[in-house]
Amino acid sequence: MAGKRAPGADVRRLIAFEPEIHQALHQLSLDRSATLQELADEAFRDLLKKHHRPVGIREMLRESTRMLPSNDAGPVRKARGKAPR
């Protein structure tokens, strides 16, 4: 599930896990034949999606166009005036 990355573009951070969490993640990685990095990428991508935060440039552009009022479907207005006889 890892996307294309430029060489040397990775950012490294040290994250501490409780032993029980680490064991559960390790077992999940074995069950899914995935690396811990792939699990972390998936988890953080899902977290960003949950909080409506774009991940890549394509998503950022898509979100920026949604912010424009002209792109929002507004409420349907009913015609005012006298009812026809």
PDB file of N, CA and C in Angstrom:
ATOM      1  N   MET A   1       0.814  -1.184   0.000  1.00  0.00           N
ATOM      2  CA  MET A   1       0.000   0.000   0.000  1.00  0.00           C
ATOM      3  C   MET A   1       0.863   1.256   0.000  1.00  0.00           C
ATOM      4  N   ALA A   2       2.142   1.095   0.089  1.00  0.00           N
ATOM      5  CA  ALA A   2       3.033   2.241   0.068  1.00  0.00           C
ATOM      6  C   ALA A   2       3.021   2.876  -1.316  1.00  0.00           C
ATOM      7  N   GLY A   3       2.972   4.229  -1.345  1.00  0.00           N
ATOM      8  CA  GLY A   3       2.953   4.942  -2.602  1.00  0.00           C
ATOM      9  C   GLY A   3       4.355   5.116  -3.145  1.00  0.00           C
ATOM     10  N   LYS A   4       4.451   5.773  -4.295  1.00  0.00           N
ATOM     11  CA  LYS A   4       5.753   6.028  -4.886  1.00  0.00           C
ATOM     12  C   LYS A   4       6.428   7.127  -4.082  1.00  0.00           C
ATOM     13  N   ARG A   5       7.695   6.916  -3.761  1.00  0.00           N
ATOM     14  CA  ARG A   5       8.441   7.883  -2.978  1.00  0.00           C
ATOM     15  C   ARG A   5       9.721   8.239  -3.699  1.00  0.00           C
ATOM     16  N   ALA A   6      10.094   9.500  -3.578  1.00  0.00           N
ATOM     17  CA  ALA A   6      11.375   9.929  -4.128  1.00  0.00           C
ATOM     18  C   ALA A   6      12.474   9.428  -3.196  1.00  0.00           C
ATOM     19  N   PRO A   7      13.624   9.066  -3.735  1.00  0.00           N
ATOM     20  CA  PRO A   7      14.721   8.602  -2.884  1.00  0.00           C
ATOM     21  C   PRO A   7      15.105   9.674  -1.866  1.00  0.00           C
ATOM     22  N   GLY A   8      15.211   9.272  -0.614  1.00  0.00           N
ATOM     23  CA  GLY A   8      15.594  10.193   0.444  1.00  0.00           C
ATOM     24  C   GLY A   8      14.477  11.110   0.915  1.00  0.00           C
ATOM     25  N   ALA A   9      13.243  10.893   0.460  1.00  0.00           N
ATOM     26  CA  ALA A   9      12.133  11.772   0.829  1.00  0.00           C
ATOM     27  C   ALA A   9      11.433  11.327   2.115  1.00  0.00           C
ATOM     28  N   ASP A  10      11.790  10.183   2.651  1.00  0.00           N
ATOM     29  CA  ASP A  10      11.136   9.695   3.858  1.00  0.00           C
ATOM     30  C   ASP A  10      11.509  10.543   5.065  1.00  0.00           C
ATOM     31  N   VAL A  11      10.542  10.750   5.939  1.00  0.00           N
ATOM     32  CA  VAL A  11      10.765  11.436   7.204  1.00  0.00           C
ATOM     33  C   VAL A  11      10.693  10.378   8.290  1.00  0.00           C
ATOM     34  N   ARG A  12      11.662  10.356   9.152  1.00  0.00           N
ATOM     35  CA  ARG A  12      11.703   9.344  10.207  1.00  0.00           C
ATOM     36  C   ARG A  12      11.341   9.959  11.549  1.00  0.00           C
ATOM     37  N   ARG A  13      10.534   9.223  12.329  1.00  0.00           N
ATOM     38  CA  ARG A  13      10.152   9.621  13.679  1.00  0.00           C
ATOM     39  C   ARG A  13      10.232   8.387  14.560  1.00  0.00           C
ATOM     40  N   LEU A  14      10.604   8.587  15.789  1.00  0.00           N
ATOM     41  CA  LEU A  14      10.671   7.496  16.749  1.00  0.00           C
ATOM     42  C   LEU A  14       9.345   7.466  17.510  1.00  0.00           C
ATOM     43  N   ILE A  15       8.652   6.340  17.447  1.00  0.00           N
ATOM     44  CA  ILE A  15       7.359   6.188  18.112  1.00  0.00           C
ATOM     45  C   ILE A  15       7.456   5.026  19.083  1.00  0.00           C
ATOM     46  N   ALA A  16       7.014   5.243  20.311  1.00  0.00           N
ATOM     47  CA  ALA A  16       7.032   4.189  21.327  1.00  0.00           C
ATOM     48  C   ALA A  16       5.662   3.519  21.397  1.00  0.00           C
ATOM     49  N   PHE A  17       5.665   2.205  21.515  1.00  0.00           N
ATOM     50  CA  PHE A  17       4.435   1.429  21.656  1.00  0.00           C
ATOM     51  C   PHE A  17       4.459   0.698  22.990  1.00  0.00           C
ATOM     52  N   GLU A  18       3.302   0.518  23.565  1.00  0.00           N
ATOM     53  CA  GLU A  18       3.200  -0.361  24.727  1.00  0.00           C
ATOM     54  C   GLU A  18       3.451  -1.781  24.243  1.00  0.00           C
ATOM     55  N   PRO A  19       4.019  -2.644  25.083  1.00  0.00           N
ATOM     56  CA  PRO A  19       4.348  -4.005  24.623  1.00  0.00           C
ATOM     57  C   PRO A  19       3.154  -4.767  24.043  1.00  0.00           C
ATOM     58  N   GLU A  20       1.975  -4.594  24.626  1.00  0.00           N
ATOM     59  CA  GLU A  20       0.787  -5.305  24.127  1.00  0.00           C
ATOM     60  C   GLU A  20       0.402  -4.822  22.732  1.00  0.00           C
ATOM     61  N   ILE A  21       0.493  -3.510  22.522  1.00  0.00           N
ATOM     62  CA  ILE A  21       0.170  -2.944  21.209  1.00  0.00           C
ATOM     63  C   ILE A  21       1.186  -3.434  20.176  1.00  0.00           C
ATOM     64  N   HIS A  22       2.458  -3.426  20.552  1.00  0.00           N
ATOM     65  CA  HIS A  22       3.498  -3.878  19.622  1.00  0.00           C
ATOM     66  C   HIS A  22       3.283  -5.336  19.239  1.00  0.00           C
ATOM     67  N   GLN A  23       2.951  -6.173  20.216  1.00  0.00           N
ATOM     68  CA  GLN A  23       2.720  -7.594  19.933  1.00  0.00           C
ATOM     69  C   GLN A  23       1.529  -7.778  18.995  1.00  0.00           C
ATOM     70  N   ALA A  24       0.451  -7.028  19.238  1.00  0.00           N
ATOM     71  CA  ALA A  24      -0.735  -7.120  18.382  1.00  0.00           C
ATOM     72  C   ALA A  24      -0.421  -6.646  16.961  1.00  0.00           C
ATOM     73  N   LEU A  25       0.346  -5.561  16.837  1.00  0.00           N
ATOM     74  CA  LEU A  25       0.728  -5.078  15.513  1.00  0.00           C
ATOM     75  C   LEU A  25       1.644  -6.070  14.800  1.00  0.00           C
ATOM     76  N   HIS A  26       2.557  -6.656  15.541  1.00  0.00           N
ATOM     77  CA  HIS A  26       3.457  -7.650  14.961  1.00  0.00           C
ATOM     78  C   HIS A  26       2.668  -8.852  14.437  1.00  0.00           C
ATOM     79  N   GLN A  27       1.711  -9.325  15.225  1.00  0.00           N
ATOM     80  CA  GLN A  27       0.889 -10.459  14.796  1.00  0.00           C
ATOM     81  C   GLN A  27       0.060 -10.097  13.567  1.00  0.00           C
ATOM     82  N   LEU A  28      -0.509  -8.880  13.556  1.00  0.00           N
ATOM     83  CA  LEU A  28      -1.280  -8.436  12.397  1.00  0.00           C
ATOM     84  C   LEU A  28      -0.400  -8.360  11.152  1.00  0.00           C
ATOM     85  N   SER A  29       0.825  -7.883  11.324  1.00  0.00           N
ATOM     86  CA  SER A  29       1.722  -7.810  10.167  1.00  0.00           C
ATOM     87  C   SER A  29       2.050  -9.199   9.630  1.00  0.00           C
ATOM     88  N   LEU A  30       2.196 -10.179  10.521  1.00  0.00           N
ATOM     89  CA  LEU A  30       2.437 -11.552  10.063  1.00  0.00           C
ATOM     90  C   LEU A  30       1.215 -12.123   9.361  1.00  0.00           C
ATOM     91  N   ASP A  31       0.032 -11.871   9.929  1.00  0.00           N
ATOM     92  CA  ASP A  31      -1.204 -12.388   9.344  1.00  0.00           C
ATOM     93  C   ASP A  31      -1.466 -11.808   7.954  1.00  0.00           C
ATOM     94  N   ARG A  32      -1.140 -10.551   7.768  1.00  0.00           N
ATOM     95  CA  ARG A  32      -1.418  -9.869   6.502  1.00  0.00           C
ATOM     96  C   ARG A  32      -0.231  -9.876   5.551  1.00  0.00           C
ATOM     97  N   SER A  33       0.875 -10.440   5.972  1.00  0.00           N
ATOM     98  CA  SER A  33       2.111 -10.420   5.164  1.00  0.00           C
ATOM     99  C   SER A  33       2.476  -8.984   4.786  1.00  0.00           C
ATOM    100  N   ALA A  34       2.395  -8.101   5.771  1.00  0.00           N
ATOM    101  CA  ALA A  34       2.710  -6.692   5.566  1.00  0.00           C
ATOM    102  C   ALA A  34       3.778  -6.281   6.575  1.00  0.00           C
ATOM    103  N   THR A  35       4.475  -5.216   6.261  1.00  0.00           N
ATOM    104  CA  THR A  35       5.466  -4.705   7.200  1.00  0.00           C
ATOM    105  C   THR A  35       4.791  -3.761   8.188  1.00  0.00           C
ATOM    106  N   LEU A  36       5.468  -3.495   9.277  1.00  0.00           N
ATOM    107  CA  LEU A  36       4.950  -2.534  10.253  1.00  0.00           C
ATOM    108  C   LEU A  36       4.806  -1.163   9.600  1.00  0.00           C
ATOM    109  N   GLN A  37       5.717  -0.825   8.691  1.00  0.00           N
ATOM    110  CA  GLN A  37       5.640   0.453   7.983  1.00  0.00           C
ATOM    111  C   GLN A  37       4.364   0.531   7.147  1.00  0.00           C
ATOM    112  N   GLU A  38       4.005  -0.549   6.462  1.00  0.00           N
ATOM    113  CA  GLU A  38       2.775  -0.560   5.660  1.00  0.00           C
ATOM    114  C   GLU A  38       1.545  -0.411   6.540  1.00  0.00           C
ATOM    115  N   LEU A  39       1.546  -1.051   7.702  1.00  0.00           N
ATOM    116  CA  LEU A  39       0.428  -0.900   8.641  1.00  0.00           C
ATOM    117  C   LEU A  39       0.337   0.534   9.142  1.00  0.00           C
ATOM    118  N   ALA A  40       1.481   1.132   9.453  1.00  0.00           N
ATOM    119  CA  ALA A  40       1.499   2.514   9.936  1.00  0.00           C
ATOM    120  C   ALA A  40       1.015   3.477   8.854  1.00  0.00           C
ATOM    121  N   ASP A  41       1.473   3.282   7.621  1.00  0.00           N
ATOM    122  CA  ASP A  41       1.024   4.136   6.515  1.00  0.00           C
ATOM    123  C   ASP A  41      -0.492   4.069   6.363  1.00  0.00           C
ATOM    124  N   GLU A  42      -1.037   2.859   6.408  1.00  0.00           N
ATOM    125  CA  GLU A  42      -2.484   2.681   6.285  1.00  0.00           C
ATOM    126  C   GLU A  42      -3.222   3.354   7.435  1.00  0.00           C
ATOM    127  N   ALA A  43      -2.720   3.174   8.649  1.00  0.00           N
ATOM    128  CA  ALA A  43      -3.382   3.744   9.830  1.00  0.00           C
ATOM    129  C   ALA A  43      -3.373   5.268   9.789  1.00  0.00           C
ATOM    130  N   PHE A  44      -2.234   5.865   9.437  1.00  0.00           N
ATOM    131  CA  PHE A  44      -2.156   7.321   9.402  1.00  0.00           C
ATOM    132  C   PHE A  44      -2.962   7.894   8.249  1.00  0.00           C
ATOM    133  N   ARG A  45      -2.993   7.187   7.116  1.00  0.00           N
ATOM    134  CA  ARG A  45      -3.814   7.638   5.990  1.00  0.00           C
ATOM    135  C   ARG A  45      -5.297   7.625   6.372  1.00  0.00           C
ATOM    136  N   ASP A  46      -5.737   6.562   7.067  1.00  0.00           N
ATOM    137  CA  ASP A  46      -7.124   6.481   7.521  1.00  0.00           C
ATOM    138  C   ASP A  46      -7.441   7.580   8.537  1.00  0.00           C
ATOM    139  N   LEU A  47      -6.499   7.887   9.421  1.00  0.00           N
ATOM    140  CA  LEU A  47      -6.694   8.942  10.419  1.00  0.00           C
ATOM    141  C   LEU A  47      -6.848  10.301   9.741  1.00  0.00           C
ATOM    142  N   LEU A  48      -6.010  10.575   8.762  1.00  0.00           N
ATOM    143  CA  LEU A  48      -6.114  11.839   8.042  1.00  0.00           C
ATOM    144  C   LEU A  48      -7.433  11.932   7.275  1.00  0.00           C
ATOM    145  N   LYS A  49      -7.854  10.830   6.681  1.00  0.00           N
ATOM    146  CA  LYS A  49      -9.131  10.810   5.953  1.00  0.00           C
ATOM    147  C   LYS A  49     -10.295  11.061   6.904  1.00  0.00           C
ATOM    148  N   LYS A  50     -10.242  10.456   8.087  1.00  0.00           N
ATOM    149  CA  LYS A  50     -11.299  10.626   9.085  1.00  0.00           C
ATOM    150  C   LYS A  50     -11.460  12.093   9.475  1.00  0.00           C
ATOM    151  N   HIS A  51     -10.355  12.809   9.524  1.00  0.00           N
ATOM    152  CA  HIS A  51     -10.384  14.212   9.928  1.00  0.00           C
ATOM    153  C   HIS A  51     -10.358  15.158   8.728  1.00  0.00           C
ATOM    154  N   HIS A  52     -10.674  14.613   7.544  1.00  0.00           N
ATOM    155  CA  HIS A  52     -10.798  15.391   6.310  1.00  0.00           C
ATOM    156  C   HIS A  52      -9.540  16.197   6.013  1.00  0.00           C
ATOM    157  N   ARG A  53      -8.388  15.566   6.141  1.00  0.00           N
ATOM    158  CA  ARG A  53      -7.096  16.192   5.826  1.00  0.00           C
ATOM    159  C   ARG A  53      -6.540  15.541   4.572  1.00  0.00           C
ATOM    160  N   PRO A  54      -6.309  16.307   3.519  1.00  0.00           N
ATOM    161  CA  PRO A  54      -5.765  15.735   2.290  1.00  0.00           C
ATOM    162  C   PRO A  54      -4.344  15.231   2.497  1.00  0.00           C
ATOM    163  N   VAL A  55      -4.002  14.153   1.797  1.00  0.00           N
ATOM    164  CA  VAL A  55      -2.681  13.540   1.943  1.00  0.00           C
ATOM    165  C   VAL A  55      -1.742  13.992   0.841  1.00  0.00           C
ATOM    166  N   GLY A  56      -2.139  13.882  -0.382  1.00  0.00           N
ATOM    167  CA  GLY A  56      -1.258  14.202  -1.507  1.00  0.00           C
ATOM    168  C   GLY A  56      -1.692  15.469  -2.218  1.00  0.00           C
ATOM    169  N   ILE A  57      -0.917  15.853  -3.192  1.00  0.00           N
ATOM    170  CA  ILE A  57      -1.199  17.078  -3.953  1.00  0.00           C
ATOM    171  C   ILE A  57      -2.530  16.982  -4.688  1.00  0.00           C
ATOM    172  N   ARG A  58      -2.846  15.805  -5.202  1.00  0.00           N
ATOM    173  CA  ARG A  58      -4.109  15.622  -5.915  1.00  0.00           C
ATOM    174  C   ARG A  58      -5.306  15.846  -4.991  1.00  0.00           C
ATOM    175  N   GLU A  59      -5.230  15.287  -3.771  1.00  0.00           N
ATOM    176  CA  GLU A  59      -6.308  15.468  -2.800  1.00  0.00           C
ATOM    177  C   GLU A  59      -6.384  16.918  -2.335  1.00  0.00           C
ATOM    178  N   MET A  60      -5.226  17.572  -2.177  1.00  0.00           N
ATOM    179  CA  MET A  60      -5.217  18.973  -1.760  1.00  0.00           C
ATOM    180  C   MET A  60      -5.910  19.852  -2.789  1.00  0.00           C
ATOM    181  N   LEU A  61      -5.624  19.616  -4.065  1.00  0.00           N
ATOM    182  CA  LEU A  61      -6.275  20.393  -5.119  1.00  0.00           C
ATOM    183  C   LEU A  61      -7.769  20.121  -5.172  1.00  0.00           C
ATOM    184  N   ARG A  62      -8.139  18.871  -5.017  1.00  0.00           N
ATOM    185  CA  ARG A  62      -9.554  18.501  -5.032  1.00  0.00           C
ATOM    186  C   ARG A  62     -10.297  19.186  -3.877  1.00  0.00           C
ATOM    187  N   GLU A  63      -9.701  19.186  -2.689  1.00  0.00           N
ATOM    188  CA  GLU A  63     -10.317  19.828  -1.526  1.00  0.00           C
ATOM    189  C   GLU A  63     -10.392  21.339  -1.706  1.00  0.00           C
ATOM    190  N   SER A  64      -9.378  21.940  -2.321  1.00  0.00           N
ATOM    191  CA  SER A  64      -9.386  23.396  -2.479  1.00  0.00           C
ATOM    192  C   SER A  64     -10.512  23.839  -3.407  1.00  0.00           C
ATOM    193  N   THR A  65     -10.852  23.031  -4.407  1.00  0.00           N
ATOM    194  CA  THR A  65     -11.953  23.413  -5.293  1.00  0.00           C
ATOM    195  C   THR A  65     -13.294  23.237  -4.600  1.00  0.00           C
ATOM    196  N   ARG A  66     -13.371  22.346  -3.633  1.00  0.00           N
ATOM    197  CA  ARG A  66     -14.621  22.173  -2.900  1.00  0.00           C
ATOM    198  C   ARG A  66     -14.888  23.330  -1.959  1.00  0.00           C
ATOM    199  N   MET A  67     -13.855  24.089  -1.611  1.00  0.00           N
ATOM    200  CA  MET A  67     -14.019  25.200  -0.688  1.00  0.00           C
ATOM    201  C   MET A  67     -14.690  26.401  -1.349  1.00  0.00           C
ATOM    202  N   LEU A  68     -14.721  26.440  -2.665  1.00  0.00           N
ATOM    203  CA  LEU A  68     -15.323  27.561  -3.360  1.00  0.00           C
ATOM    204  C   LEU A  68     -16.847  27.450  -3.308  1.00  0.00           C
ATOM    205  N   PRO A  69     -17.540  28.527  -2.897  1.00  0.00           N
ATOM    206  CA  PRO A  69     -19.005  28.472  -2.794  1.00  0.00           C
ATOM    207  C   PRO A  69     -19.688  28.141  -4.115  1.00  0.00           C
ATOM    208  N   SER A  70     -19.087  28.528  -5.237  1.00  0.00           N
ATOM    209  CA  SER A  70     -19.721  28.262  -6.524  1.00  0.00           C
ATOM    210  C   SER A  70     -19.790  26.774  -6.831  1.00  0.00           C
ATOM    211  N   ASN A  71     -19.011  25.976  -6.132  1.00  0.00           N
ATOM    212  CA  ASN A  71     -19.023  24.535  -6.363  1.00  0.00           C
ATOM    213  C   ASN A  71     -19.969  23.785  -5.438  1.00  0.00           C
ATOM    214  N   ASP A  72     -20.526  24.475  -4.467  1.00  0.00           N
ATOM    215  CA  ASP A  72     -21.452  23.836  -3.532  1.00  0.00           C
ATOM    216  C   ASP A  72     -22.863  23.871  -4.087  1.00  0.00           C
ATOM    217  N   ALA A  73     -23.564  22.793  -3.895  1.00  0.00           N
ATOM    218  CA  ALA A  73     -24.971  22.749  -4.276  1.00  0.00           C
ATOM    219  C   ALA A  73     -25.765  23.398  -3.146  1.00  0.00           C
ATOM    220  N   GLY A  74     -26.321  24.535  -3.420  1.00  0.00           N
ATOM    221  CA  GLY A  74     -27.074  25.273  -2.400  1.00  0.00           C
ATOM    222  C   GLY A  74     -28.489  24.735  -2.278  1.00  0.00           C
ATOM    223  N   PRO A  75     -29.226  25.287  -1.321  1.00  0.00           N
ATOM    224  CA  PRO A  75     -30.610  24.837  -1.148  1.00  0.00           C
ATOM    225  C   PRO A  75     -31.459  25.239  -2.352  1.00  0.00           C
ATOM    226  N   VAL A  76     -32.419  24.425  -2.667  1.00  0.00           N
ATOM    227  CA  VAL A  76     -33.325  24.695  -3.781  1.00  0.00           C
ATOM    228  C   VAL A  76     -34.320  25.736  -3.319  1.00  0.00           C
ATOM    229  N   ARG A  77     -34.427  26.807  -4.083  1.00  0.00           N
ATOM    230  CA  ARG A  77     -35.333  27.897  -3.716  1.00  0.00           C
ATOM    231  C   ARG A  77     -36.676  27.685  -4.395  1.00  0.00           C
ATOM    232  N   LYS A  78     -37.699  27.934  -3.639  1.00  0.00           N
ATOM    233  CA  LYS A  78     -39.052  27.849  -4.185  1.00  0.00           C
ATOM    234  C   LYS A  78     -39.450  29.237  -4.666  1.00  0.00           C
ATOM    235  N   ALA A  79     -40.203  29.277  -5.756  1.00  0.00           N
ATOM    236  CA  ALA A  79     -40.647  30.542  -6.292  1.00  0.00           C
ATOM    237  C   ALA A  79     -41.651  31.185  -5.347  1.00  0.00           C
ATOM    238  N   ARG A  80     -41.447  32.475  -5.105  1.00  0.00           N
ATOM    239  CA  ARG A  80     -42.388  33.203  -4.246  1.00  0.00           C
ATOM    240  C   ARG A  80     -43.347  33.985  -5.130  1.00  0.00           C
ATOM    241  N   GLY A  81     -44.439  34.283  -4.591  1.00  0.00           N
ATOM    242  CA  GLY A  81     -45.422  35.065  -5.339  1.00  0.00           C
ATOM    243  C   GLY A  81     -46.800  34.489  -5.151  1.00  0.00           C
ATOM    244  N   LYS A  82     -47.710  35.038  -5.888  1.00  0.00           N
ATOM    245  CA  LYS A  82     -49.095  34.571  -5.782  1.00  0.00           C
ATOM    246  C   LYS A  82     -49.260  33.242  -6.479  1.00  0.00           C
ATOM    247  N   ALA A  83     -50.096  32.440  -5.893  1.00  0.00           N
ATOM    248  CA  ALA A  83     -50.385  31.127  -6.488  1.00  0.00           C
ATOM    249  C   ALA A  83     -51.278  31.344  -7.702  1.00  0.00           C
ATOM    250  N   PRO A  84     -51.078  30.579  -8.767  1.00  0.00           N
ATOM    251  CA  PRO A  84     -51.925  30.705  -9.969  1.00  0.00           C
ATOM    252  C   PRO A  84     -53.356  30.321  -9.656  1.00  0.00           C
ATOM    253  N   ARG A  85     -54.278  31.024 -10.306  1.00  0.00           N
ATOM    254  CA  ARG A  85     -55.705  30.743 -10.088  1.00  0.00           C
ATOM    255  C   ARG A  85     -56.269  29.815 -11.087  1.00  0.00           C
TER     256      ARG A  85
END
